[in-house]
Amino acid sequence: MKKVLLGLAMIVSLTAIGQDIKIKKDKISIDGTEVAILDKEKLSYKILSLDNRPIFSIERKANTLLDGSMVYWSLLTDLSNNKTNEIVDYGTDQGLSFQRAIIASVCNEKYKFISASGLDEKGVLEFINGTPTNITKVFDDANQKTIDQLKTENDAMVALRIKVENGNILQKQEVLKDGQLVMDYVVIGEVKKSNITFMPNFPPSLVYTVNSLYSEKDNNSRVQNRVKVLGAWYATKTGYQNPNTNKNIRDEIITWDNKYYNLRGTLTDTEKINLSFYGNEDKDLLSKQIVAKLLYNGYKFEAMK
């Protein structure tokens, strides 16, 4: 690759060619044409020409980003000199077929090292021996974008004088105390933590549900306390898929109107240091992040002022 990858946005914006990948008796076929041979050695797969010459190998890896998304990438090795280079996997989902996923990583709109036209030996070897891809920078840049976004969301919540403490969502409002108007925190919502089993014989999943709490008068002028669900964050939701990505739900907020937002629930100590703008207390960190993301995306609590 002659240029450093421009950022993680490319990972989701690029689409695959839509080629039909099949592997039968180690022969790789693209759109019905045999183009190469796949040879497995532990977790690394060698790509051989149809006359059995070893060309390059692919070792597929994965990295979880700060926004909760899983990014697959591959280490390519020139089998003639053992030089290596890295690529982000832009291939389409191949279901449970790990072998087809390996081929899709070098057979897509971004990388066309294998296609129905055959094995592009010159192209793939020039890439491997060319400018090294700084895969760490790609992930660091993507994570920094997430950090910047989380800070923006938190700043917006602070600007609204809203905070989250011990599961309560509070806003500083003007209230009447002892006959005088003063600024004090008022409960406008709650974050309820629970474990829910979505399918029999599967372990329960951790869920954070965000409720708007408010009061209103009924038709008889009696004050009634109301609860409205704004959304919920799911560590996982067994048996359900995000309709936008067709992937299993993991580390995602789903709102009452079926919008989906990624938000990773488990952070390393280093990642928490990078999120120091939340303060030293991390007991309510995930709750803060969920509420901030909902507010930033336009969701309101009825008792807000």
Foldseek 3Di string as FASTA:
>chain_A
DADADPACVCLPPFAWPPWDWDADPQFTATNRATAWGWDDDPQKIFTAGPVGHTAKIWHKDWDQAQLGDIWIKIWIAGVVPRQIAIDTQSFDDPDPDPVVSRVRSQPTPVHNCQHNVHGVRVVVVCVRPDDHHPVVVRRVVHNVVVLVVLVVLLVVCVVLQWDADPFFIWHFDFDADPNDTDTDIDTQWGWDWDWADQDPPDGTWIKIWIWGWDWDADPVRDIDIDIDTFWMFIQFRPPDALPVRRHGDHQWIAGPVGDIGGHDDDDDPVVVVSNCVVPDDCPCVVVSSVVSVCVVVPDDRPPRD
